[in-house]
Amino acid sequence: MKKFIIISALVFAVNNAYTQSWADRDCGEPTGSHFNVSQEMLNKYRSAHPNFNFPHCVDEIIERQAEQILNYFHRNYRFNEINNRHIHQILWTLFKEMPFAKFESAVNDTINRFYHFGRHFEGEEWRRKYQVEFGAPFGSRATISRLNVHGNENIQKMIDLLQEIEH
Protein backbone atom coordinates (compact mmCIF):
# COMPACT_ATOMS: atom_id res chain seq x y z
CA MET A 1 0.00 0.00 0.00
CA LYS A 2 2.88 2.34 0.81
CA LYS A 3 4.36 1.78 -2.67
CA PHE A 4 1.01 2.58 -4.28
CA ILE A 5 0.71 5.87 -2.39
CA ILE A 6 4.29 6.88 -3.25
CA ILE A 7 3.87 5.97 -6.92
CA SER A 8 0.49 7.77 -7.08
CA ALA A 9 1.99 10.89 -5.51
CA LEU A 10 4.93 10.79 -7.92
CA VAL A 11 2.68 10.37 -10.97
CA PHE A 12 0.45 13.20 -9.76
CA ALA A 13 3.44 15.51 -9.17
CA VAL A 14 4.95 14.82 -12.60
CA ASN A 15 1.61 15.21 -14.37
CA ASN A 16 0.84 18.41 -12.48
CA ALA A 17 4.27 19.87 -13.27
CA TYR A 18 3.87 19.03 -16.98
CA THR A 19 0.39 20.53 -17.14
CA GLN A 20 1.50 23.63 -15.25
CA SER A 21 4.56 24.20 -17.44
CA TRP A 22 2.48 23.77 -20.63
CA ALA A 23 -0.17 26.24 -19.48
CA ASP A 24 2.31 28.87 -18.28
CA ARG A 25 4.85 28.74 -21.05
CA ASP A 26 5.76 31.96 -22.75
CA CYS A 27 5.31 32.20 -26.50
CA GLY A 28 7.83 34.99 -26.68
CA GLU A 29 7.23 38.31 -28.33
CA PRO A 30 4.33 38.32 -30.78
CA THR A 31 5.79 37.94 -34.24
CA GLY A 32 2.67 38.80 -36.18
CA SER A 33 0.15 36.26 -37.26
CA HIS A 34 0.09 32.69 -38.43
CA PHE A 35 -2.50 31.86 -41.13
CA ASN A 36 -3.93 35.38 -40.45
CA VAL A 37 -4.51 34.55 -36.77
CA SER A 38 -2.75 36.71 -34.18
CA GLN A 39 -1.72 35.60 -30.70
CA GLU A 40 -4.45 37.89 -29.30
CA MET A 41 -7.10 36.16 -31.43
CA LEU A 42 -5.86 32.72 -30.38
CA ASN A 43 -5.92 33.72 -26.70
CA LYS A 44 -9.50 35.01 -26.97
CA TYR A 45 -10.58 31.89 -28.85
CA ARG A 46 -8.91 29.57 -26.32
CA SER A 47 -10.66 31.42 -23.47
CA ALA A 48 -14.02 30.99 -25.19
CA HIS A 49 -13.35 27.33 -26.10
CA PRO A 50 -11.09 25.77 -23.45
CA ASN A 51 -12.22 22.23 -24.28
CA PHE A 52 -10.85 22.40 -27.84
CA ASN A 53 -7.24 22.12 -26.59
CA PHE A 54 -5.80 24.45 -29.20
CA PRO A 55 -2.05 25.15 -28.98
CA HIS A 56 -0.92 27.88 -26.61
CA CYS A 57 1.24 29.67 -29.20
CA VAL A 58 -0.08 30.94 -32.51
CA ASP A 59 2.97 29.58 -34.35
CA GLU A 60 1.81 26.06 -33.51
CA ILE A 61 -1.71 26.14 -34.95
CA ILE A 62 -2.48 24.32 -38.16
CA GLU A 63 -4.42 25.73 -41.08
CA ARG A 64 -7.68 23.98 -40.16
CA GLN A 65 -7.54 25.47 -36.65
CA ALA A 66 -6.87 28.92 -38.11
CA GLU A 67 -9.94 28.61 -40.34
CA GLN A 68 -12.03 27.62 -37.33
CA ILE A 69 -10.77 30.64 -35.35
CA LEU A 70 -11.34 33.07 -38.22
CA ASN A 71 -14.85 31.71 -38.85
CA TYR A 72 -15.63 32.14 -35.15
CA PHE A 73 -14.60 35.81 -35.16
CA HIS A 74 -16.27 36.51 -38.51
CA ARG A 75 -19.55 35.10 -37.22
CA ASN A 76 -19.42 36.51 -33.67
CA TYR A 77 -18.50 40.02 -34.75
CA ARG A 78 -21.21 39.92 -37.44
CA PHE A 79 -19.02 40.75 -40.43
CA ASN A 80 -21.54 38.90 -42.59
CA GLU A 81 -24.12 41.61 -41.79
CA ILE A 82 -22.03 44.37 -43.41
CA ASN A 83 -23.87 45.06 -46.67
CA ASN A 84 -21.14 46.51 -48.85
CA ARG A 85 -18.44 44.02 -49.84
CA HIS A 86 -15.72 46.70 -50.07
CA ILE A 87 -16.44 47.96 -46.56
CA HIS A 88 -16.62 44.35 -45.36
CA GLN A 89 -13.26 43.53 -46.96
CA ILE A 90 -11.50 46.61 -45.53
CA LEU A 91 -12.85 45.94 -42.03
CA TRP A 92 -12.03 42.22 -42.14
CA THR A 93 -8.45 42.97 -43.23
CA LEU A 94 -8.04 45.59 -40.49
CA PHE A 95 -9.51 43.21 -37.92
CA LYS A 96 -6.91 40.57 -38.76
CA GLU A 97 -4.00 43.02 -38.80
CA MET A 98 -4.65 45.22 -35.76
CA PRO A 99 -4.88 44.63 -32.01
CA PHE A 100 -8.57 44.41 -31.18
CA ALA A 101 -8.76 47.47 -28.89
CA LYS A 102 -7.05 49.63 -31.52
CA PHE A 103 -9.34 48.26 -34.24
CA GLU A 104 -12.49 48.93 -32.24
CA SER A 105 -11.35 52.43 -31.37
CA ALA A 106 -10.47 53.18 -35.01
CA VAL A 107 -13.88 51.98 -36.22
CA ASN A 108 -15.70 54.08 -33.60
CA ASP A 109 -13.57 57.09 -34.57
CA THR A 110 -14.41 56.51 -38.25
CA ILE A 111 -18.12 56.36 -37.46
CA ASN A 112 -17.82 59.60 -35.46
CA ARG A 113 -16.07 61.27 -38.39
CA PHE A 114 -18.58 59.96 -40.94
CA TYR A 115 -21.65 61.12 -39.00
CA HIS A 116 -19.97 64.27 -37.60
CA PHE A 117 -20.43 63.16 -34.00
CA GLY A 118 -18.62 64.67 -31.03
CA ARG A 119 -15.28 66.32 -31.65
CA HIS A 120 -15.63 65.75 -35.40
CA PHE A 121 -18.68 67.99 -35.69
CA GLU A 122 -17.77 71.37 -37.09
CA GLY A 123 -20.24 73.54 -35.16
CA GLU A 124 -18.50 74.72 -31.98
CA GLU A 125 -21.74 75.89 -30.36
CA TRP A 126 -23.44 72.53 -31.01
CA ARG A 127 -20.41 70.59 -29.77
CA ARG A 128 -20.22 72.48 -26.47
CA LYS A 129 -23.92 71.98 -25.89
CA TYR A 130 -24.37 68.28 -26.76
CA GLN A 131 -20.92 66.61 -27.01
CA VAL A 132 -22.36 63.44 -28.54
CA GLU A 133 -19.89 60.73 -29.53
CA PHE A 134 -20.48 57.25 -30.79
CA GLY A 135 -18.73 54.43 -28.99
CA ALA A 136 -20.03 50.88 -29.14
CA PRO A 137 -18.43 47.45 -29.15
CA PHE A 138 -17.55 46.26 -32.62
CA GLY A 139 -20.08 43.69 -33.78
CA SER A 140 -22.95 45.32 -31.92
CA ARG A 141 -26.08 46.13 -33.88
CA ALA A 142 -25.37 49.82 -33.38
CA THR A 143 -21.94 49.57 -34.99
CA ILE A 144 -23.05 47.38 -37.89
CA SER A 145 -26.03 49.61 -38.65
CA ARG A 146 -23.77 52.71 -38.69
CA LEU A 147 -21.38 50.95 -41.10
CA ASN A 148 -24.21 49.94 -43.45
CA VAL A 149 -24.48 53.26 -45.24
CA HIS A 150 -26.61 53.72 -48.36
CA GLY A 151 -26.01 55.57 -51.58
CA ASN A 152 -22.88 55.47 -53.72
CA GLU A 153 -21.57 58.80 -52.41
CA ASN A 154 -21.93 57.73 -48.76
CA ILE A 155 -20.44 54.32 -49.42
CA GLN A 156 -17.39 55.89 -51.07
CA LYS A 157 -17.02 58.36 -48.19
CA MET A 158 -17.10 55.49 -45.66
CA ILE A 159 -14.56 53.51 -47.73
CA ASP A 160 -12.25 56.54 -47.90
CA LEU A 161 -12.44 57.08 -44.14
CA LEU A 162 -11.78 53.39 -43.42
CA GLN A 163 -8.79 53.38 -45.77
CA GLU A 164 -7.25 56.21 -43.71
CA ILE A 165 -6.95 53.94 -40.69
CA GLU A 166 -3.32 53.20 -39.99
CA HIS A 167 -2.60 49.62 -39.02
C-alpha atoms as a PDB file:
ATOM      1  CA  MET A   1       0.000   0.000   0.000  1.00  0.00           C
ATOM      2  CA  LYS A   2       2.876   2.338   0.808  1.00  0.00           C
ATOM      3  CA  LYS A   3       4.359   1.783  -2.666  1.00  0.00           C
ATOM      4  CA  PHE A   4       1.010   2.583  -4.280  1.00  0.00           C
ATOM      5  CA  ILE A   5       0.715   5.874  -2.394  1.00  0.00           C
ATOM      6  CA  ILE A   6       4.291   6.878  -3.246  1.00  0.00           C
ATOM      7  CA  ILE A   7       3.874   5.974  -6.918  1.00  0.00           C
ATOM      8  CA  SER A   8       0.490   7.772  -7.084  1.00  0.00           C
ATOM      9  CA  ALA A   9       1.986  10.894  -5.509  1.00  0.00           C
ATOM     10  CA  LEU A  10       4.928  10.795  -7.917  1.00  0.00           C
ATOM     11  CA  VAL A  11       2.685  10.370 -10.967  1.00  0.00           C
ATOM     12  CA  PHE A  12       0.449  13.196  -9.759  1.00  0.00           C
ATOM     13  CA  ALA A  13       3.441  15.510  -9.169  1.00  0.00           C
ATOM     14  CA  VAL A  14       4.951  14.817 -12.603  1.00  0.00           C
ATOM     15  CA  ASN A  15       1.613  15.210 -14.369  1.00  0.00           C
ATOM     16  CA  ASN A  16       0.838  18.411 -12.481  1.00  0.00           C
ATOM     17  CA  ALA A  17       4.269  19.874 -13.274  1.00  0.00           C
ATOM     18  CA  TYR A  18       3.871  19.033 -16.982  1.00  0.00           C
ATOM     19  CA  THR A  19       0.393  20.530 -17.142  1.00  0.00           C
ATOM     20  CA  GLN A  20       1.496  23.633 -15.255  1.00  0.00           C
ATOM     21  CA  SER A  21       4.556  24.199 -17.436  1.00  0.00           C
ATOM     22  CA  TRP A  22       2.484  23.768 -20.629  1.00  0.00           C
ATOM     23  CA  ALA A  23      -0.173  26.238 -19.483  1.00  0.00           C
ATOM     24  CA  ASP A  24       2.307  28.872 -18.282  1.00  0.00           C
ATOM     25  CA  ARG A  25       4.851  28.738 -21.045  1.00  0.00           C
ATOM     26  CA  ASP A  26       5.764  31.958 -22.751  1.00  0.00           C
ATOM     27  CA  CYS A  27       5.308  32.204 -26.503  1.00  0.00           C
ATOM     28  CA  GLY A  28       7.833  34.994 -26.682  1.00  0.00           C
ATOM     29  CA  GLU A  29       7.232  38.314 -28.335  1.00  0.00           C
ATOM     30  CA  PRO A  30       4.327  38.325 -30.784  1.00  0.00           C
ATOM     31  CA  THR A  31       5.794  37.943 -34.244  1.00  0.00           C
ATOM     32  CA  GLY A  32       2.666  38.802 -36.181  1.00  0.00           C
ATOM     33  CA  SER A  33       0.146  36.260 -37.264  1.00  0.00           C
ATOM     34  CA  HIS A  34       0.090  32.688 -38.431  1.00  0.00           C
ATOM     35  CA  PHE A  35      -2.505  31.862 -41.125  1.00  0.00           C
ATOM     36  CA  ASN A  36      -3.927  35.383 -40.445  1.00  0.00           C
ATOM     37  CA  VAL A  37      -4.513  34.549 -36.766  1.00  0.00           C
ATOM     38  CA  SER A  38      -2.747  36.713 -34.179  1.00  0.00           C
ATOM     39  CA  GLN A  39      -1.724  35.601 -30.699  1.00  0.00           C
ATOM     40  CA  GLU A  40      -4.447  37.886 -29.298  1.00  0.00           C
ATOM     41  CA  MET A  41      -7.099  36.156 -31.431  1.00  0.00           C
ATOM     42  CA  LEU A  42      -5.862  32.721 -30.380  1.00  0.00           C
ATOM     43  CA  ASN A  43      -5.919  33.724 -26.700  1.00  0.00           C
ATOM     44  CA  LYS A  44      -9.502  35.006 -26.970  1.00  0.00           C
ATOM     45  CA  TYR A  45     -10.576  31.888 -28.850  1.00  0.00           C
ATOM     46  CA  ARG A  46      -8.913  29.567 -26.315  1.00  0.00           C
ATOM     47  CA  SER A  47     -10.661  31.419 -23.474  1.00  0.00           C
ATOM     48  CA  ALA A  48     -14.021  30.994 -25.187  1.00  0.00           C
ATOM     49  CA  HIS A  49     -13.353  27.331 -26.099  1.00  0.00           C
ATOM     50  CA  PRO A  50     -11.090  25.775 -23.447  1.00  0.00           C
ATOM     51  CA  ASN A  51     -12.221  22.227 -24.282  1.00  0.00           C
ATOM     52  CA  PHE A  52     -10.847  22.402 -27.842  1.00  0.00           C
ATOM     53  CA  ASN A  53      -7.236  22.118 -26.588  1.00  0.00           C
ATOM     54  CA  PHE A  54      -5.796  24.452 -29.197  1.00  0.00           C
ATOM     55  CA  PRO A  55      -2.054  25.153 -28.977  1.00  0.00           C
ATOM     56  CA  HIS A  56      -0.920  27.875 -26.609  1.00  0.00           C
ATOM     57  CA  CYS A  57       1.239  29.670 -29.196  1.00  0.00           C
ATOM     58  CA  VAL A  58      -0.084  30.938 -32.507  1.00  0.00           C
ATOM     59  CA  ASP A  59       2.972  29.582 -34.353  1.00  0.00           C
ATOM     60  CA  GLU A  60       1.814  26.055 -33.506  1.00  0.00           C
ATOM     61  CA  ILE A  61      -1.711  26.143 -34.954  1.00  0.00           C
ATOM     62  CA  ILE A  62      -2.480  24.316 -38.157  1.00  0.00           C
ATOM     63  CA  GLU A  63      -4.420  25.733 -41.084  1.00  0.00           C
ATOM     64  CA  ARG A  64      -7.682  23.975 -40.161  1.00  0.00           C
ATOM     65  CA  GLN A  65      -7.540  25.466 -36.655  1.00  0.00           C
ATOM     66  CA  ALA A  66      -6.872  28.925 -38.109  1.00  0.00           C
ATOM     67  CA  GLU A  67      -9.935  28.609 -40.341  1.00  0.00           C
ATOM     68  CA  GLN A  68     -12.028  27.620 -37.326  1.00  0.00           C
ATOM     69  CA  ILE A  69     -10.772  30.640 -35.348  1.00  0.00           C
ATOM     70  CA  LEU A  70     -11.337  33.071 -38.222  1.00  0.00           C
ATOM     71  CA  ASN A  71     -14.850  31.709 -38.846  1.00  0.00           C
ATOM     72  CA  TYR A  72     -15.628  32.144 -35.150  1.00  0.00           C
ATOM     73  CA  PHE A  73     -14.603  35.810 -35.162  1.00  0.00           C
ATOM     74  CA  HIS A  74     -16.265  36.506 -38.512  1.00  0.00           C
ATOM     75  CA  ARG A  75     -19.546  35.096 -37.218  1.00  0.00           C
ATOM     76  CA  ASN A  76     -19.421  36.507 -33.668  1.00  0.00           C
ATOM     77  CA  TYR A  77     -18.498  40.021 -34.753  1.00  0.00           C
ATOM     78  CA  ARG A  78     -21.213  39.923 -37.438  1.00  0.00           C
ATOM     79  CA  PHE A  79     -19.018  40.747 -40.428  1.00  0.00           C
ATOM     80  CA  ASN A  80     -21.536  38.898 -42.593  1.00  0.00           C
ATOM     81  CA  GLU A  81     -24.118  41.614 -41.791  1.00  0.00           C
ATOM     82  CA  ILE A  82     -22.034  44.368 -43.412  1.00  0.00           C
ATOM     83  CA  ASN A  83     -23.869  45.060 -46.671  1.00  0.00           C
ATOM     84  CA  ASN A  84     -21.136  46.510 -48.847  1.00  0.00           C
ATOM     85  CA  ARG A  85     -18.444  44.017 -49.843  1.00  0.00           C
ATOM     86  CA  HIS A  86     -15.723  46.704 -50.070  1.00  0.00           C
ATOM     87  CA  ILE A  87     -16.441  47.965 -46.559  1.00  0.00           C
ATOM     88  CA  HIS A  88     -16.617  44.349 -45.364  1.00  0.00           C
ATOM     89  CA  GLN A  89     -13.258  43.528 -46.957  1.00  0.00           C
ATOM     90  CA  ILE A  90     -11.501  46.605 -45.531  1.00  0.00           C
ATOM     91  CA  LEU A  91     -12.849  45.935 -42.030  1.00  0.00           C
ATOM     92  CA  TRP A  92     -12.034  42.217 -42.139  1.00  0.00           C
ATOM     93  CA  THR A  93      -8.453  42.973 -43.228  1.00  0.00           C
ATOM     94  CA  LEU A  94      -8.036  45.594 -40.491  1.00  0.00           C
ATOM     95  CA  PHE A  95      -9.512  43.212 -37.924  1.00  0.00           C
ATOM     96  CA  LYS A  96      -6.908  40.566 -38.756  1.00  0.00           C
ATOM     97  CA  GLU A  97      -4.003  43.020 -38.803  1.00  0.00           C
ATOM     98  CA  MET A  98      -4.655  45.224 -35.757  1.00  0.00           C
ATOM     99  CA  PRO A  99      -4.878  44.627 -32.011  1.00  0.00           C
ATOM    100  CA  PHE A 100      -8.569  44.415 -31.180  1.00  0.00           C
ATOM    101  CA  ALA A 101      -8.757  47.468 -28.893  1.00  0.00           C
ATOM    102  CA  LYS A 102      -7.051  49.628 -31.522  1.00  0.00           C
ATOM    103  CA  PHE A 103      -9.340  48.256 -34.241  1.00  0.00           C
ATOM    104  CA  GLU A 104     -12.493  48.925 -32.237  1.00  0.00           C
ATOM    105  CA  SER A 105     -11.351  52.434 -31.368  1.00  0.00           C
ATOM    106  CA  ALA A 106     -10.473  53.176 -35.005  1.00  0.00           C
ATOM    107  CA  VAL A 107     -13.882  51.979 -36.219  1.00  0.00           C
ATOM    108  CA  ASN A 108     -15.703  54.076 -33.604  1.00  0.00           C
ATOM    109  CA  ASP A 109     -13.573  57.086 -34.572  1.00  0.00           C
ATOM    110  CA  THR A 110     -14.409  56.509 -38.252  1.00  0.00           C
ATOM    111  CA  ILE A 111     -18.122  56.358 -37.456  1.00  0.00           C
ATOM    112  CA  ASN A 112     -17.816  59.601 -35.456  1.00  0.00           C
ATOM    113  CA  ARG A 113     -16.074  61.269 -38.394  1.00  0.00           C
ATOM    114  CA  PHE A 114     -18.584  59.962 -40.945  1.00  0.00           C
ATOM    115  CA  TYR A 115     -21.647  61.123 -39.000  1.00  0.00           C
ATOM    116  CA  HIS A 116     -19.968  64.271 -37.601  1.00  0.00           C
ATOM    117  CA  PHE A 117     -20.432  63.156 -33.996  1.00  0.00           C
ATOM    118  CA  GLY A 118     -18.617  64.670 -31.030  1.00  0.00           C
ATOM    119  CA  ARG A 119     -15.281  66.324 -31.649  1.00  0.00           C
ATOM    120  CA  HIS A 120     -15.626  65.746 -35.399  1.00  0.00           C
ATOM    121  CA  PHE A 121     -18.675  67.992 -35.685  1.00  0.00           C
ATOM    122  CA  GLU A 122     -17.772  71.371 -37.092  1.00  0.00           C
ATOM    123  CA  GLY A 123     -20.238  73.537 -35.163  1.00  0.00           C
ATOM    124  CA  GLU A 124     -18.503  74.721 -31.977  1.00  0.00           C
ATOM    125  CA  GLU A 125     -21.739  75.894 -30.356  1.00  0.00           C
ATOM    126  CA  TRP A 126     -23.439  72.533 -31.015  1.00  0.00           C
ATOM    127  CA  ARG A 127     -20.412  70.593 -29.766  1.00  0.00           C
ATOM    128  CA  ARG A 128     -20.223  72.476 -26.467  1.00  0.00           C
ATOM    129  CA  LYS A 129     -23.918  71.984 -25.892  1.00  0.00           C
ATOM    130  CA  TYR A 130     -24.367  68.283 -26.761  1.00  0.00           C
ATOM    131  CA  GLN A 131     -20.915  66.607 -27.005  1.00  0.00           C
ATOM    132  CA  VAL A 132     -22.361  63.440 -28.537  1.00  0.00           C
ATOM    133  CA  GLU A 133     -19.894  60.728 -29.526  1.00  0.00           C
ATOM    134  CA  PHE A 134     -20.476  57.245 -30.792  1.00  0.00           C
ATOM    135  CA  GLY A 135     -18.728  54.426 -28.995  1.00  0.00           C
ATOM    136  CA  ALA A 136     -20.030  50.881 -29.136  1.00  0.00           C
ATOM    137  CA  PRO A 137     -18.425  47.446 -29.153  1.00  0.00           C
ATOM    138  CA  PHE A 138     -17.554  46.257 -32.622  1.00  0.00           C
ATOM    139  CA  GLY A 139     -20.080  43.689 -33.778  1.00  0.00           C
ATOM    140  CA  SER A 140     -22.946  45.317 -31.923  1.00  0.00           C
ATOM    141  CA  ARG A 141     -26.078  46.135 -33.880  1.00  0.00           C
ATOM    142  CA  ALA A 142     -25.368  49.824 -33.380  1.00  0.00           C
ATOM    143  CA  THR A 143     -21.940  49.570 -34.991  1.00  0.00           C
ATOM    144  CA  ILE A 144     -23.046  47.376 -37.886  1.00  0.00           C
ATOM    145  CA  SER A 145     -26.033  49.606 -38.654  1.00  0.00           C
ATOM    146  CA  ARG A 146     -23.768  52.707 -38.694  1.00  0.00           C
ATOM    147  CA  LEU A 147     -21.382  50.947 -41.096  1.00  0.00           C
ATOM    148  CA  ASN A 148     -24.206  49.941 -43.445  1.00  0.00           C
ATOM    149  CA  VAL A 149     -24.480  53.259 -45.240  1.00  0.00           C
ATOM    150  CA  HIS A 150     -26.614  53.716 -48.356  1.00  0.00           C
ATOM    151  CA  GLY A 151     -26.012  55.573 -51.575  1.00  0.00           C
ATOM    152  CA  ASN A 152     -22.878  55.473 -53.718  1.00  0.00           C
ATOM    153  CA  GLU A 153     -21.575  58.796 -52.411  1.00  0.00           C
ATOM    154  CA  ASN A 154     -21.933  57.727 -48.765  1.00  0.00           C
ATOM    155  CA  ILE A 155     -20.436  54.317 -49.425  1.00  0.00           C
ATOM    156  CA  GLN A 156     -17.392  55.887 -51.073  1.00  0.00           C
ATOM    157  CA  LYS A 157     -17.017  58.361 -48.192  1.00  0.00           C
ATOM    158  CA  MET A 158     -17.095  55.494 -45.659  1.00  0.00           C
ATOM    159  CA  ILE A 159     -14.562  53.509 -47.728  1.00  0.00           C
ATOM    160  CA  ASP A 160     -12.247  56.540 -47.902  1.00  0.00           C
ATOM    161  CA  LEU A 161     -12.445  57.075 -44.135  1.00  0.00           C
ATOM    162  CA  LEU A 162     -11.782  53.387 -43.421  1.00  0.00           C
ATOM    163  CA  GLN A 163      -8.788  53.380 -45.767  1.00  0.00           C
ATOM    164  CA  GLU A 164      -7.252  56.215 -43.714  1.00  0.00           C
ATOM    165  CA  ILE A 165      -6.952  53.941 -40.687  1.00  0.00           C
ATOM    166  CA  GLU A 166      -3.316  53.199 -39.985  1.00  0.00           C
ATOM    167  CA  HIS A 167      -2.597  49.624 -39.023  1.00  0.00           C
END
